């Protein structure tokens, strides 16, 4: 089969590799397409080291089941599915608490387990979620939407009435879309004019100079830099929440006095917990509550994977790579 192979940081080559065989409890998927996200770019650029070279990247995948391993019903063959790429051990203390997102032995497709930028992919049957009759652009966005939905769930209770989303790359755009679908009034902030324009089509308004003193109930930081943290702390209302999704490693400063006097909650959120977060996300897409494909702006074929990675950072919205078109019946 064909696969996009990262042969060294910054260089992808499309070449032949052996087809994977499904083991017990697995399904093999003919990959329809794969979305690109910040973690993919970190591996591509060498900021995060690949397990070895060449390496197959990609984890935001959908496709069609073509084969099953022992213990999996043959009735699954032909299903159109989206991939939940984080595979938990279900045995460590974190898994026992239901926090599979912090599983000590987690395997992640495209990170420490063979990725999805190939014509075929093997994953556990429980990590292939049935989702027929949905547009390909929506299918390819289900996994990053699950990250957003998990963050919102972890807030607890109802969604605040007002929100500021800092950083409207694909994750911030999906957060904007999800918050608006729940009735929140959303302000978007980004250095990219193109991303801000796209955010407005999803129901947000840009942060304006007149908003210097504006305070909101919820600030979502998808960037994670000290500068983003300063903006978040400046705009969160007393008693409000700052939800951090960005994975930058540079420390930012916040004093105990700020936390106490503002009576604020500072909350981090990492991916999602199996199976509840993915199940609920699939349900919201299936019933049409949210159409995450609205954040897609750029599409490339597998043969142009190199160009897709090189240009995705400057795209106004989300980039995906088409591998093969599944039968969406």
C-alpha atoms as a PDB file:
ATOM      1  CA  UNK A   1       0.000   0.000   0.000  1.00  0.00           C
ATOM      2  CA  UNK A   2       0.998   3.647  -0.390  1.00  0.00           C
ATOM      3  CA  UNK A   3       1.897   5.721   2.654  1.00  0.00           C
ATOM      4  CA  UNK A   4       3.311   9.168   3.347  1.00  0.00           C
ATOM      5  CA  UNK A   5       6.611   8.490   5.118  1.00  0.00           C
ATOM      6  CA  UNK A   6       8.419  11.070   7.219  1.00  0.00           C
ATOM      7  CA  UNK A   7      12.010  10.225   6.299  1.00  0.00           C
ATOM      8  CA  UNK A   8      13.536  13.083   8.305  1.00  0.00           C
ATOM      9  CA  UNK A   9      12.155  16.242   9.944  1.00  0.00           C
ATOM     10  CA  UNK A  10      10.509  18.354   7.267  1.00  0.00           C
ATOM     11  CA  UNK A  11      10.597  15.740   4.498  1.00  0.00           C
ATOM     12  CA  UNK A  12       7.781  13.387   3.453  1.00  0.00           C
ATOM     13  CA  UNK A  13       8.012  10.758   0.723  1.00  0.00           C
ATOM     14  CA  UNK A  14       5.049   8.743  -0.607  1.00  0.00           C
ATOM     15  CA  UNK A  15       6.173   5.151  -1.066  1.00  0.00           C
ATOM     16  CA  UNK A  16       5.077   1.523  -0.789  1.00  0.00           C
ATOM     17  CA  UNK A  17       4.924  -0.185   2.613  1.00  0.00           C
ATOM     18  CA  UNK A  18       3.477  -3.564   3.674  1.00  0.00           C
ATOM     19  CA  UNK A  19      -0.228  -3.696   4.481  1.00  0.00           C
ATOM     20  CA  UNK A  20      -0.970  -4.067   8.211  1.00  0.00           C
ATOM     21  CA  UNK A  21      -2.748  -7.198   9.390  1.00  0.00           C
ATOM     22  CA  UNK A  22      -5.555  -6.961  11.958  1.00  0.00           C
ATOM     23  CA  UNK A  23      -4.845  -8.833  15.187  1.00  0.00           C
ATOM     24  CA  UNK A  24      -7.398 -10.140  17.667  1.00  0.00           C
ATOM     25  CA  UNK A  25      -9.979  -7.478  18.424  1.00  0.00           C
ATOM     26  CA  UNK A  26      -8.808  -5.237  15.561  1.00  0.00           C
ATOM     27  CA  UNK A  27     -10.336  -3.861  12.390  1.00  0.00           C
ATOM     28  CA  UNK A  28      -8.498  -2.842   9.235  1.00  0.00           C
ATOM     29  CA  UNK A  29      -9.725   0.374   7.646  1.00  0.00           C
ATOM     30  CA  UNK A  30      -9.361   1.651   4.099  1.00  0.00           C
ATOM     31  CA  UNK A  31      -8.477   5.237   4.962  1.00  0.00           C
ATOM     32  CA  UNK A  32     -10.659   7.902   3.376  1.00  0.00           C
ATOM     33  CA  UNK A  33      -8.867  10.964   4.671  1.00  0.00           C
ATOM     34  CA  UNK A  34      -6.755  12.443   7.446  1.00  0.00           C
ATOM     35  CA  UNK A  35      -6.832  15.887   9.034  1.00  0.00           C
ATOM     36  CA  UNK A  36      -3.704  17.753  10.083  1.00  0.00           C
ATOM     37  CA  UNK A  37      -3.239  19.330  13.497  1.00  0.00           C
ATOM     38  CA  UNK A  38      -0.591  20.975  15.643  1.00  0.00           C
ATOM     39  CA  UNK A  39       0.819  17.729  17.024  1.00  0.00           C
ATOM     40  CA  UNK A  40       1.293  16.432  13.467  1.00  0.00           C
ATOM     41  CA  UNK A  41       3.202  19.606  12.631  1.00  0.00           C
ATOM     42  CA  UNK A  42       5.362  19.229  15.744  1.00  0.00           C
ATOM     43  CA  UNK A  43       6.456  15.741  14.627  1.00  0.00           C
ATOM     44  CA  UNK A  44       6.891  16.883  11.005  1.00  0.00           C
ATOM     45  CA  UNK A  45       9.192  19.735  12.044  1.00  0.00           C
ATOM     46  CA  UNK A  46      11.141  17.636  14.533  1.00  0.00           C
ATOM     47  CA  UNK A  47       9.937  19.529  17.596  1.00  0.00           C
ATOM     48  CA  UNK A  48       8.544  16.193  18.804  1.00  0.00           C
ATOM     49  CA  UNK A  49      10.768  13.274  17.840  1.00  0.00           C
ATOM     50  CA  UNK A  50       9.279  10.465  15.789  1.00  0.00           C
ATOM     51  CA  UNK A  51       9.804   6.944  17.217  1.00  0.00           C
ATOM     52  CA  UNK A  52      11.965   6.177  14.181  1.00  0.00           C
ATOM     53  CA  UNK A  53      12.439   7.128  10.526  1.00  0.00           C
ATOM     54  CA  UNK A  54      10.753   6.537   8.197  1.00  0.00           C
ATOM     55  CA  UNK A  55       7.551   7.144  10.166  1.00  0.00           C
ATOM     56  CA  UNK A  56       3.862   7.250   9.189  1.00  0.00           C
ATOM     57  CA  UNK A  57       2.082  10.251  10.724  1.00  0.00           C
ATOM     58  CA  UNK A  58      -1.562  11.255  11.001  1.00  0.00           C
ATOM     59  CA  UNK A  59      -4.352  10.425  13.439  1.00  0.00           C
ATOM     60  CA  UNK A  60      -7.513  12.406  12.547  1.00  0.00           C
ATOM     61  CA  UNK A  61      -8.830   9.694  10.256  1.00  0.00           C
ATOM     62  CA  UNK A  62     -11.970   8.197   8.782  1.00  0.00           C
ATOM     63  CA  UNK A  63     -12.557   5.351   6.365  1.00  0.00           C
ATOM     64  CA  UNK A  64     -14.290   2.047   5.689  1.00  0.00           C
ATOM     65  CA  UNK A  65     -13.745  -1.258   7.502  1.00  0.00           C
ATOM     66  CA  UNK A  66     -12.482  -3.918   5.067  1.00  0.00           C
ATOM     67  CA  UNK A  67     -11.273  -6.700   7.383  1.00  0.00           C
ATOM     68  CA  UNK A  68     -11.582  -7.802  10.999  1.00  0.00           C
ATOM     69  CA  UNK A  69      -9.433  -9.790  13.398  1.00  0.00           C
ATOM     70  CA  UNK A  70     -10.435 -12.681  15.640  1.00  0.00           C
ATOM     71  CA  UNK A  71     -13.221 -11.834  18.029  1.00  0.00           C
ATOM     72  CA  UNK A  72     -14.709  -9.069  15.878  1.00  0.00           C
ATOM     73  CA  UNK A  73     -18.007  -9.626  14.096  1.00  0.00           C
ATOM     74  CA  UNK A  74     -17.664  -9.818  10.300  1.00  0.00           C
ATOM     75  CA  UNK A  75     -20.771  -7.614  10.182  1.00  0.00           C
ATOM     76  CA  UNK A  76     -18.458  -4.664  10.777  1.00  0.00           C
ATOM     77  CA  UNK A  77     -16.985  -5.065   7.282  1.00  0.00           C
ATOM     78  CA  UNK A  78     -18.221  -2.208   5.117  1.00  0.00           C
ATOM     79  CA  UNK A  79     -18.912   0.197   7.978  1.00  0.00           C
ATOM     80  CA  UNK A  80     -17.930   3.851   7.532  1.00  0.00           C
ATOM     81  CA  UNK A  81     -16.056   4.802  10.681  1.00  0.00           C
ATOM     82  CA  UNK A  82     -14.091   7.565  12.344  1.00  0.00           C
ATOM     83  CA  UNK A  83     -10.962   6.638  14.258  1.00  0.00           C
ATOM     84  CA  UNK A  84     -10.441   7.329  17.935  1.00  0.00           C
ATOM     85  CA  UNK A  85      -6.630   7.300  17.770  1.00  0.00           C
ATOM     86  CA  UNK A  86      -5.720   7.167  21.464  1.00  0.00           C
ATOM     87  CA  UNK A  87      -5.613   3.575  22.695  1.00  0.00           C
ATOM     88  CA  UNK A  88      -5.628   3.222  26.488  1.00  0.00           C
ATOM     89  CA  UNK A  89      -4.305   0.282  28.509  1.00  0.00           C
ATOM     90  CA  UNK A  90      -7.367   0.225  30.857  1.00  0.00           C
ATOM     91  CA  UNK A  91      -5.105  -1.083  33.612  1.00  0.00           C
ATOM     92  CA  UNK A  92      -3.128   1.866  35.063  1.00  0.00           C
ATOM     93  CA  UNK A  93      -4.364   4.071  37.940  1.00  0.00           C
ATOM     94  CA  UNK A  94      -5.470   6.826  35.544  1.00  0.00           C
ATOM     95  CA  UNK A  95      -7.540   4.427  33.460  1.00  0.00           C
ATOM     96  CA  UNK A  96      -9.069   3.007  36.641  1.00  0.00           C
ATOM     97  CA  UNK A  97     -10.240   6.548  37.481  1.00  0.00           C
ATOM     98  CA  UNK A  98     -11.717   6.961  33.991  1.00  0.00           C
ATOM     99  CA  UNK A  99      -9.028   9.452  32.925  1.00  0.00           C
ATOM    100  CA  UNK A 100      -7.817   7.476  29.915  1.00  0.00           C
ATOM    101  CA  UNK A 101      -6.457  10.701  28.403  1.00  0.00           C
ATOM    102  CA  UNK A 102      -3.572  10.399  30.903  1.00  0.00           C
ATOM    103  CA  UNK A 103      -3.070   6.644  30.520  1.00  0.00           C
ATOM    104  CA  UNK A 104       0.535   5.786  31.418  1.00  0.00           C
ATOM    105  CA  UNK A 105       0.789   3.279  28.576  1.00  0.00           C
ATOM    106  CA  UNK A 106      -1.327   5.092  26.011  1.00  0.00           C
ATOM    107  CA  UNK A 107      -0.665   4.323  22.375  1.00  0.00           C
ATOM    108  CA  UNK A 108      -1.464   7.113  19.936  1.00  0.00           C
ATOM    109  CA  UNK A 109      -1.897   6.603  16.206  1.00  0.00           C
ATOM    110  CA  UNK A 110       0.714   8.664  14.369  1.00  0.00           C
ATOM    111  CA  UNK A 111       2.703   9.399  17.534  1.00  0.00           C
ATOM    112  CA  UNK A 112       3.938   6.084  18.972  1.00  0.00           C
ATOM    113  CA  UNK A 113       1.747   3.765  16.877  1.00  0.00           C
ATOM    114  CA  UNK A 114       1.750   3.594  13.048  1.00  0.00           C
ATOM    115  CA  UNK A 115      -0.171   6.547  11.639  1.00  0.00           C
ATOM    116  CA  UNK A 116      -3.130   7.015   9.335  1.00  0.00           C
ATOM    117  CA  UNK A 117      -1.474   8.688   6.343  1.00  0.00           C
ATOM    118  CA  UNK A 118      -1.564   5.388   4.494  1.00  0.00           C
ATOM    119  CA  UNK A 119      -4.085   3.561   2.390  1.00  0.00           C
ATOM    120  CA  UNK A 120      -4.903   1.183   5.259  1.00  0.00           C
ATOM    121  CA  UNK A 121      -4.849   1.403   9.045  1.00  0.00           C
ATOM    122  CA  UNK A 122      -5.376  -1.111  11.863  1.00  0.00           C
ATOM    123  CA  UNK A 123      -6.961  -0.044  15.158  1.00  0.00           C
ATOM    124  CA  UNK A 124      -8.880  -1.820  17.926  1.00  0.00           C
ATOM    125  CA  UNK A 125     -12.506  -2.378  17.008  1.00  0.00           C
ATOM    126  CA  UNK A 126     -13.643  -0.224  19.956  1.00  0.00           C
ATOM    127  CA  UNK A 127     -11.699   2.703  18.492  1.00  0.00           C
ATOM    128  CA  UNK A 128     -13.551   2.635  15.155  1.00  0.00           C
ATOM    129  CA  UNK A 129     -16.837   4.519  15.578  1.00  0.00           C
ATOM    130  CA  UNK A 130     -19.684   3.930  13.154  1.00  0.00           C
ATOM    131  CA  UNK A 131     -20.794   7.166  11.473  1.00  0.00           C
ATOM    132  CA  UNK A 132     -22.566   6.659   8.126  1.00  0.00           C
ATOM    133  CA  UNK A 133     -24.254   9.241   5.929  1.00  0.00           C
ATOM    134  CA  UNK A 134     -22.035  12.146   6.986  1.00  0.00           C
ATOM    135  CA  UNK A 135     -19.979  14.420   4.705  1.00  0.00           C
ATOM    136  CA  UNK A 136     -16.291  13.563   4.427  1.00  0.00           C
ATOM    137  CA  UNK A 137     -15.300  17.006   5.678  1.00  0.00           C
ATOM    138  CA  UNK A 138     -17.333  16.396   8.839  1.00  0.00           C
ATOM    139  CA  UNK A 139     -15.881  12.900   9.292  1.00  0.00           C
ATOM    140  CA  UNK A 140     -12.305  14.156   9.159  1.00  0.00           C
ATOM    141  CA  UNK A 141     -13.036  16.703  11.913  1.00  0.00           C
ATOM    142  CA  UNK A 142     -14.676  14.372  14.449  1.00  0.00           C
ATOM    143  CA  UNK A 143     -11.451  13.604  16.349  1.00  0.00           C
ATOM    144  CA  UNK A 144     -10.397  17.234  16.939  1.00  0.00           C
ATOM    145  CA  UNK A 145     -14.009  18.064  17.775  1.00  0.00           C
ATOM    146  CA  UNK A 146     -13.844  15.382  20.484  1.00  0.00           C
ATOM    147  CA  UNK A 147     -10.928  17.298  22.041  1.00  0.00           C
ATOM    148  CA  UNK A 148     -13.129  20.402  22.157  1.00  0.00           C
ATOM    149  CA  UNK A 149     -16.149  18.537  23.484  1.00  0.00           C
ATOM    150  CA  UNK A 150     -14.074  16.967  26.264  1.00  0.00           C
ATOM    151  CA  UNK A 151     -12.824  20.407  27.290  1.00  0.00           C
ATOM    152  CA  UNK A 152     -16.363  21.730  27.486  1.00  0.00           C
ATOM    153  CA  UNK A 153     -17.492  18.686  29.481  1.00  0.00           C
ATOM    154  CA  UNK A 154     -14.686  19.241  31.965  1.00  0.00           C
ATOM    155  CA  UNK A 155     -15.995  22.720  32.707  1.00  0.00           C
ATOM    156  CA  UNK A 156     -18.902  21.100  34.523  1.00  0.00           C
ATOM    157  CA  UNK A 157     -22.440  22.434  34.424  1.00  0.00           C
ATOM    158  CA  UNK A 158     -23.841  24.670  31.714  1.00  0.00           C
ATOM    159  CA  UNK A 159     -21.734  26.553  29.164  1.00  0.00           C
ATOM    160  CA  UNK A 160     -21.048  30.171  30.228  1.00  0.00           C
ATOM    161  CA  UNK A 161     -22.949  32.910  28.391  1.00  0.00           C
ATOM    162  CA  UNK A 162     -19.837  34.744  27.173  1.00  0.00           C
ATOM    163  CA  UNK A 163     -16.529  33.377  25.948  1.00  0.00           C
ATOM    164  CA  UNK A 164     -13.239  34.487  24.419  1.00  0.00           C
ATOM    165  CA  UNK A 165     -11.334  31.992  22.260  1.00  0.00           C
ATOM    166  CA  UNK A 166      -7.634  32.843  21.987  1.00  0.00           C
ATOM    167  CA  UNK A 167      -6.141  31.291  18.886  1.00  0.00           C
ATOM    168  CA  UNK A 168      -8.570  30.309  16.143  1.00  0.00           C
ATOM    169  CA  UNK A 169      -6.551  27.746  14.297  1.00  0.00           C
ATOM    170  CA  UNK A 170      -8.503  24.568  13.630  1.00  0.00           C
ATOM    171  CA  UNK A 171      -8.881  23.788  17.346  1.00  0.00           C
ATOM    172  CA  UNK A 172     -10.047  27.297  18.172  1.00  0.00           C
ATOM    173  CA  UNK A 173     -12.425  27.327  15.225  1.00  0.00           C
ATOM    174  CA  UNK A 174     -14.000  24.062  16.382  1.00  0.00           C
ATOM    175  CA  UNK A 175     -14.258  25.447  19.919  1.00  0.00           C
ATOM    176  CA  UNK A 176     -15.973  28.540  18.528  1.00  0.00           C
ATOM    177  CA  UNK A 177     -18.398  26.386  16.551  1.00  0.00           C
ATOM    178  CA  UNK A 178     -19.196  24.183  19.549  1.00  0.00           C
ATOM    179  CA  UNK A 179     -19.702  27.084  21.974  1.00  0.00           C
ATOM    180  CA  UNK A 180     -21.934  28.949  19.518  1.00  0.00           C
ATOM    181  CA  UNK A 181     -23.999  25.783  19.003  1.00  0.00           C
ATOM    182  CA  UNK A 182     -24.652  25.867  22.752  1.00  0.00           C
ATOM    183  CA  UNK A 183     -25.826  29.478  22.703  1.00  0.00           C
ATOM    184  CA  UNK A 184     -22.661  31.231  23.924  1.00  0.00           C
ATOM    185  CA  UNK A 185     -21.669  34.686  22.697  1.00  0.00           C
ATOM    186  CA  UNK A 186     -18.095  34.203  21.434  1.00  0.00           C
ATOM    187  CA  UNK A 187     -15.257  36.647  20.835  1.00  0.00           C
ATOM    188  CA  UNK A 188     -12.300  35.392  18.774  1.00  0.00           C
ATOM    189  CA  UNK A 189      -8.690  36.554  18.964  1.00  0.00           C
ATOM    190  CA  UNK A 190      -5.891  35.632  16.556  1.00  0.00           C
ATOM    191  CA  UNK A 191      -2.978  37.258  14.735  1.00  0.00           C
ATOM    192  CA  UNK A 192      -4.280  35.897  11.402  1.00  0.00           C
ATOM    193  CA  UNK A 193      -6.931  38.058   9.677  1.00  0.00           C
ATOM    194  CA  UNK A 194      -8.009  35.073   7.560  1.00  0.00           C
ATOM    195  CA  UNK A 195      -8.730  32.944  10.605  1.00  0.00           C
ATOM    196  CA  UNK A 196     -10.711  35.741  12.211  1.00  0.00           C
ATOM    197  CA  UNK A 197     -12.826  36.081   9.078  1.00  0.00           C
ATOM    198  CA  UNK A 198     -13.573  32.354   9.172  1.00  0.00           C
ATOM    199  CA  UNK A 199     -14.394  32.561  12.889  1.00  0.00           C
ATOM    200  CA  UNK A 200     -16.984  35.249  12.154  1.00  0.00           C
ATOM    201  CA  UNK A 201     -18.718  32.930   9.668  1.00  0.00           C
ATOM    202  CA  UNK A 202     -19.075  30.463  12.567  1.00  0.00           C
ATOM    203  CA  UNK A 203     -20.811  33.035  14.746  1.00  0.00           C
ATOM    204  CA  UNK A 204     -17.978  34.785  16.605  1.00  0.00           C
ATOM    205  CA  UNK A 205     -16.891  38.413  16.491  1.00  0.00           C
ATOM    206  CA  UNK A 206     -13.237  39.533  16.559  1.00  0.00           C
ATOM    207  CA  UNK A 207     -11.693  41.010  19.696  1.00  0.00           C
ATOM    208  CA  UNK A 208     -11.643  44.752  19.006  1.00  0.00           C
ATOM    209  CA  UNK A 209      -9.640  47.650  20.506  1.00  0.00           C
ATOM    210  CA  UNK A 210     -12.847  48.734  22.255  1.00  0.00           C
ATOM    211  CA  UNK A 211     -12.768  45.402  24.116  1.00  0.00           C
ATOM    212  CA  UNK A 212      -9.666  46.345  26.144  1.00  0.00           C
ATOM    213  CA  UNK A 213     -11.622  46.161  29.397  1.00  0.00           C
ATOM    214  CA  UNK A 214     -14.070  43.485  28.361  1.00  0.00           C
ATOM    215  CA  UNK A 215     -14.504  40.530  30.718  1.00  0.00           C
ATOM    216  CA  UNK A 216     -16.040  37.164  29.851  1.00  0.00           C
ATOM    217  CA  UNK A 217     -17.172  34.137  31.834  1.00  0.00           C
ATOM    218  CA  UNK A 218     -14.934  31.722  29.930  1.00  0.00           C
ATOM    219  CA  UNK A 219     -11.591  32.164  28.185  1.00  0.00           C
ATOM    220  CA  UNK A 220     -10.334  29.267  26.071  1.00  0.00           C
ATOM    221  CA  UNK A 221      -6.595  29.379  25.356  1.00  0.00           C
ATOM    222  CA  UNK A 222      -5.701  27.090  22.451  1.00  0.00           C
ATOM    223  CA  UNK A 223      -2.195  28.579  22.161  1.00  0.00           C
ATOM    224  CA  UNK A 224      -0.585  28.110  25.576  1.00  0.00           C
ATOM    225  CA  UNK A 225       2.074  30.830  25.348  1.00  0.00           C
ATOM    226  CA  UNK A 226       2.790  33.421  28.052  1.00  0.00           C
ATOM    227  CA  UNK A 227       1.331  36.103  25.772  1.00  0.00           C
ATOM    228  CA  UNK A 228      -1.899  34.146  25.384  1.00  0.00           C
ATOM    229  CA  UNK A 229      -2.046  33.638  29.158  1.00  0.00           C
ATOM    230  CA  UNK A 230      -1.699  37.392  29.723  1.00  0.00           C
ATOM    231  CA  UNK A 231      -4.614  38.020  27.379  1.00  0.00           C
ATOM    232  CA  UNK A 232      -6.670  35.348  29.118  1.00  0.00           C
ATOM    233  CA  UNK A 233      -6.036  36.745  32.594  1.00  0.00           C
ATOM    234  CA  UNK A 234      -6.841  40.252  31.392  1.00  0.00           C
ATOM    235  CA  UNK A 235     -10.260  39.278  30.088  1.00  0.00           C
ATOM    236  CA  UNK A 236     -11.573  36.579  32.424  1.00  0.00           C
ATOM    237  CA  UNK A 237     -14.338  37.865  34.683  1.00  0.00           C
ATOM    238  CA  UNK A 238     -14.371  37.503  38.450  1.00  0.00           C
ATOM    239  CA  UNK A 239     -15.510  33.955  39.131  1.00  0.00           C
ATOM    240  CA  UNK A 240     -14.752  32.980  35.537  1.00  0.00           C
ATOM    241  CA  UNK A 241     -12.764  30.109  34.052  1.00  0.00           C
ATOM    242  CA  UNK A 242      -9.643  29.913  31.888  1.00  0.00           C
ATOM    243  CA  UNK A 243      -9.583  26.628  29.951  1.00  0.00           C
ATOM    244  CA  UNK A 244      -6.165  25.818  28.485  1.00  0.00           C
ATOM    245  CA  UNK A 245      -5.848  23.467  25.504  1.00  0.00           C
ATOM    246  CA  UNK A 246      -2.520  24.733  24.128  1.00  0.00           C
ATOM    247  CA  UNK A 247       0.526  22.529  24.712  1.00  0.00           C
ATOM    248  CA  UNK A 248       3.378  25.046  24.708  1.00  0.00           C
ATOM    249  CA  UNK A 249       6.063  24.308  27.303  1.00  0.00           C
ATOM    250  CA  UNK A 250       7.117  27.884  28.151  1.00  0.00           C
ATOM    251  CA  UNK A 251       5.943  28.740  31.687  1.00  0.00           C
ATOM    252  CA  UNK A 252       3.588  31.664  32.237  1.00  0.00           C
ATOM    253  CA  UNK A 253       3.113  33.620  35.432  1.00  0.00           C
ATOM    254  CA  UNK A 254      -0.023  33.924  37.521  1.00  0.00           C
ATOM    255  CA  UNK A 255       0.089  34.934  41.171  1.00  0.00           C
ATOM    256  CA  UNK A 256      -1.896  33.389  43.984  1.00  0.00           C
ATOM    257  CA  UNK A 257      -3.306  36.853  44.600  1.00  0.00           C
ATOM    258  CA  UNK A 258      -4.702  36.978  41.076  1.00  0.00           C
ATOM    259  CA  UNK A 259      -6.291  33.539  41.436  1.00  0.00           C
ATOM    260  CA  UNK A 260      -7.786  34.372  44.833  1.00  0.00           C
ATOM    261  CA  UNK A 261      -8.962  37.929  44.190  1.00  0.00           C
ATOM    262  CA  UNK A 262     -10.432  37.037  40.807  1.00  0.00           C
ATOM    263  CA  UNK A 263     -11.913  33.830  42.277  1.00  0.00           C
ATOM    264  CA  UNK A 264     -11.111  32.236  38.962  1.00  0.00           C
ATOM    265  CA  UNK A 265     -10.705  28.637  37.856  1.00  0.00           C
ATOM    266  CA  UNK A 266      -7.652  27.666  35.812  1.00  0.00           C
ATOM    267  CA  UNK A 267      -8.372  24.384  34.031  1.00  0.00           C
ATOM    268  CA  UNK A 268      -6.271  22.246  31.690  1.00  0.00           C
ATOM    269  CA  UNK A 269      -7.803  19.735  29.291  1.00  0.00           C
ATOM    270  CA  UNK A 270      -5.937  16.960  27.445  1.00  0.00           C
ATOM    271  CA  UNK A 271      -7.571  15.123  24.537  1.00  0.00           C
ATOM    272  CA  UNK A 272     -10.614  13.064  25.701  1.00  0.00           C
ATOM    273  CA  UNK A 273     -11.560  10.068  27.819  1.00  0.00           C
ATOM    274  CA  UNK A 274     -12.673   6.755  26.317  1.00  0.00           C
ATOM    275  CA  UNK A 275     -15.395   5.958  25.528  1.00  0.00           C
ATOM    276  CA  UNK A 276     -17.742   8.711  26.679  1.00  0.00           C
ATOM    277  CA  UNK A 277     -16.255  11.771  24.992  1.00  0.00           C
ATOM    278  CA  UNK A 278     -15.984  10.182  21.559  1.00  0.00           C
ATOM    279  CA  UNK A 279     -19.433   8.632  21.853  1.00  0.00           C
ATOM    280  CA  UNK A 280     -21.067  11.962  22.662  1.00  0.00           C
ATOM    281  CA  UNK A 281     -19.123  13.771  19.915  1.00  0.00           C
ATOM    282  CA  UNK A 282     -20.163  11.218  17.302  1.00  0.00           C
ATOM    283  CA  UNK A 283     -23.751  11.662  18.471  1.00  0.00           C
ATOM    284  CA  UNK A 284     -23.632  15.452  18.052  1.00  0.00           C
ATOM    285  CA  UNK A 285     -22.295  15.087  14.512  1.00  0.00           C
ATOM    286  CA  UNK A 286     -24.722  12.300  13.624  1.00  0.00           C
ATOM    287  CA  UNK A 287     -27.789  14.290  14.670  1.00  0.00           C
ATOM    288  CA  UNK A 288     -26.586  17.462  12.939  1.00  0.00           C
ATOM    289  CA  UNK A 289     -26.175  19.526  16.120  1.00  0.00           C
ATOM    290  CA  UNK A 290     -22.754  20.583  14.865  1.00  0.00           C
ATOM    291  CA  UNK A 291     -21.132  20.311  11.427  1.00  0.00           C
ATOM    292  CA  UNK A 292     -17.389  20.451  12.134  1.00  0.00           C
ATOM    293  CA  UNK A 293     -16.456  20.345   8.460  1.00  0.00           C
ATOM    294  CA  UNK A 294     -17.271  24.069   8.304  1.00  0.00           C
ATOM    295  CA  UNK A 295     -13.721  24.743   9.519  1.00  0.00           C
ATOM    296  CA  UNK A 296     -12.146  22.983   6.495  1.00  0.00           C
ATOM    297  CA  UNK A 297     -10.524  25.276   3.909  1.00  0.00           C
ATOM    298  CA  UNK A 298      -7.776  23.211   2.241  1.00  0.00           C
ATOM    299  CA  UNK A 299      -7.654  19.700   0.753  1.00  0.00           C
ATOM    300  CA  UNK A 300      -4.709  17.804  -0.763  1.00  0.00           C
ATOM    301  CA  UNK A 301      -4.255  14.306  -2.217  1.00  0.00           C
ATOM    302  CA  UNK A 302      -1.892  11.863  -0.528  1.00  0.00           C
ATOM    303  CA  UNK A 303       0.634  12.449  -3.302  1.00  0.00           C
ATOM    304  CA  UNK A 304       0.900  16.092  -2.168  1.00  0.00           C
ATOM    305  CA  UNK A 305       1.325  15.353   1.545  1.00  0.00           C
ATOM    306  CA  UNK A 306       4.569  17.342   1.659  1.00  0.00           C
ATOM    307  CA  UNK A 307       2.834  20.469   0.364  1.00  0.00           C
ATOM    308  CA  UNK A 308      -0.107  19.924   2.704  1.00  0.00           C
ATOM    309  CA  UNK A 309       2.192  19.946   5.726  1.00  0.00           C
ATOM    310  CA  UNK A 310       4.181  22.922   4.467  1.00  0.00           C
ATOM    311  CA  UNK A 311       1.101  25.081   3.878  1.00  0.00           C
ATOM    312  CA  UNK A 312      -1.260  24.046   6.666  1.00  0.00           C
ATOM    313  CA  UNK A 313       0.183  26.559   9.125  1.00  0.00           C
ATOM    314  CA  UNK A 314      -0.784  29.472   6.885  1.00  0.00           C
ATOM    315  CA  UNK A 315      -4.253  28.164   5.967  1.00  0.00           C
ATOM    316  CA  UNK A 316      -7.228  30.150   7.206  1.00  0.00           C
ATOM    317  CA  UNK A 317      -8.906  26.960   8.381  1.00  0.00           C
ATOM    318  CA  UNK A 318      -8.205  23.266   8.691  1.00  0.00           C
ATOM    319  CA  UNK A 319      -6.241  21.210   6.147  1.00  0.00           C
ATOM    320  CA  UNK A 320      -6.968  17.583   5.329  1.00  0.00           C
ATOM    321  CA  UNK A 321      -5.420  14.972   3.053  1.00  0.00           C
ATOM    322  CA  UNK A 322      -7.679  12.781   0.945  1.00  0.00           C
ATOM    323  CA  UNK A 323      -6.431   9.219   0.792  1.00  0.00           C
ATOM    324  CA  UNK A 324      -9.421   7.344  -0.697  1.00  0.00           C
ATOM    325  CA  UNK A 325     -13.141   8.011  -0.818  1.00  0.00           C
ATOM    326  CA  UNK A 326     -15.220   5.554   1.237  1.00  0.00           C
ATOM    327  CA  UNK A 327     -18.679   4.345   0.381  1.00  0.00           C
ATOM    328  CA  UNK A 328     -20.700   6.608   2.725  1.00  0.00           C
ATOM    329  CA  UNK A 329     -23.910   4.593   2.497  1.00  0.00           C
END
